[in-house]
Amino acid sequence: MHTIDHLNKKYTEMTGRSMIDVAIRVLTIIPDTESTIKMEICKLCKDFSNHAPEVLQGSYCWVPFVNILNKHITVFDAEWKKSILEIINNNA
């Protein structure tokens, strides 16, 4: 079973990808029953929607996004959580 430590990748490895683009992919995977995490991710995307593309690729946007995931996903015990891990690690 995976733990949240798998999400603690170096943020520099995430650069080159827009946090919003990744968040949208993640949102499609999260079940509707997980409304709190979906709401927090949507709010974050809205808050950052007017930022420049280079800002969306930096830690300024990635850190809050990963913090939301860390808060709500503590154990990777469901397929949708494992799929999110793959997306965040750029393996999917």
Protein backbone atom coordinates (compact mmCIF):
# COMPACT_ATOMS: atom_id res chain seq x y z
CA MET A 1 0.00 0.00 0.00
CA HIS A 2 1.28 3.47 -0.89
CA THR A 3 1.53 6.32 1.56
CA ILE A 4 1.48 10.07 1.08
CA ASP A 5 5.29 10.10 0.97
CA HIS A 6 5.01 9.11 -2.68
CA LEU A 7 3.58 12.57 -3.40
CA ASN A 8 6.60 14.32 -1.94
CA LYS A 9 8.42 14.58 -5.24
CA LYS A 10 10.75 17.47 -5.85
CA TYR A 11 8.64 20.36 -7.08
CA THR A 12 11.25 21.15 -9.72
CA GLU A 13 10.33 17.86 -11.38
CA MET A 14 6.78 19.14 -11.73
CA THR A 15 7.75 22.31 -13.54
CA GLY A 16 6.79 22.33 -17.16
CA ARG A 17 3.26 21.23 -16.28
CA SER A 18 0.50 23.61 -15.39
CA MET A 19 -0.95 22.89 -11.97
CA ILE A 20 -4.40 23.72 -13.32
CA ASP A 21 -4.07 21.25 -16.20
CA VAL A 22 -3.07 18.51 -13.77
CA ALA A 23 -5.81 19.51 -11.29
CA ILE A 24 -8.43 19.20 -14.03
CA ARG A 25 -7.24 15.67 -14.80
CA VAL A 26 -7.30 14.83 -11.09
CA LEU A 27 -10.83 16.22 -10.69
CA THR A 28 -12.16 13.85 -13.35
CA ILE A 29 -10.91 10.88 -11.31
CA ILE A 30 -12.12 11.87 -7.83
CA PRO A 31 -15.52 10.33 -7.07
CA ASP A 32 -18.45 12.68 -6.49
CA THR A 33 -18.71 11.34 -2.94
CA GLU A 34 -15.41 13.14 -2.17
CA SER A 35 -16.98 16.58 -2.47
CA THR A 36 -14.69 18.37 0.00
CA ILE A 37 -11.46 17.65 -1.86
CA LYS A 38 -13.13 18.44 -5.18
CA MET A 39 -14.40 21.75 -3.83
CA GLU A 40 -10.97 22.72 -2.48
CA ILE A 41 -9.23 21.88 -5.76
CA CYS A 42 -11.83 23.84 -7.74
CA LYS A 43 -11.40 26.85 -5.48
CA LEU A 44 -7.62 26.68 -5.85
CA CYS A 45 -7.93 26.53 -9.65
CA LYS A 46 -10.26 29.52 -9.60
CA ASP A 47 -7.86 31.45 -7.36
CA PHE A 48 -4.94 30.80 -9.73
CA SER A 49 -6.88 31.08 -13.01
CA ASN A 50 -5.55 34.55 -13.85
CA HIS A 51 -1.89 33.77 -13.20
CA ALA A 52 0.70 33.64 -15.96
CA PRO A 53 1.50 30.20 -17.41
CA GLU A 54 5.01 30.23 -15.96
CA VAL A 55 3.57 30.87 -12.48
CA LEU A 56 1.17 27.93 -12.87
CA GLN A 57 4.17 25.69 -13.45
CA GLY A 58 6.04 26.76 -10.32
CA SER A 59 5.98 25.81 -6.68
CA TYR A 60 3.81 28.86 -5.88
CA CYS A 61 0.88 26.92 -7.36
CA TRP A 62 2.05 23.34 -6.93
CA VAL A 63 2.65 23.49 -3.17
CA PRO A 64 -0.95 24.44 -2.26
CA PHE A 65 -2.28 21.82 -4.67
CA VAL A 66 -0.16 19.04 -3.20
CA ASN A 67 -1.06 20.26 0.29
CA ILE A 68 -4.75 19.72 -0.53
CA LEU A 69 -3.99 16.21 -1.74
CA ASN A 70 -1.90 15.49 1.37
CA LYS A 71 -4.73 16.70 3.58
CA HIS A 72 -7.36 14.46 2.01
CA ILE A 73 -5.42 11.45 0.76
CA THR A 74 -3.38 9.90 3.52
CA VAL A 75 -3.38 6.30 2.29
CA PHE A 76 -3.61 5.08 -1.30
CA ASP A 77 -6.22 2.40 -0.64
CA ALA A 78 -8.49 2.97 -3.63
CA GLU A 79 -7.91 2.86 -7.37
CA TRP A 80 -8.82 6.53 -7.87
CA LYS A 81 -6.17 7.52 -5.31
CA LYS A 82 -3.55 5.41 -7.07
CA SER A 83 -4.53 7.02 -10.37
CA ILE A 84 -4.01 10.47 -8.86
CA LEU A 85 -0.58 9.40 -7.68
CA GLU A 86 0.31 8.36 -11.21
CA ILE A 87 -0.89 11.69 -12.62
CA ILE A 88 0.99 13.75 -10.03
CA ASN A 89 4.16 11.77 -10.63
CA ASN A 90 3.70 12.30 -14.38
CA ASN A 91 3.43 8.55 -15.00
CA ALA A 92 -0.02 8.65 -16.56
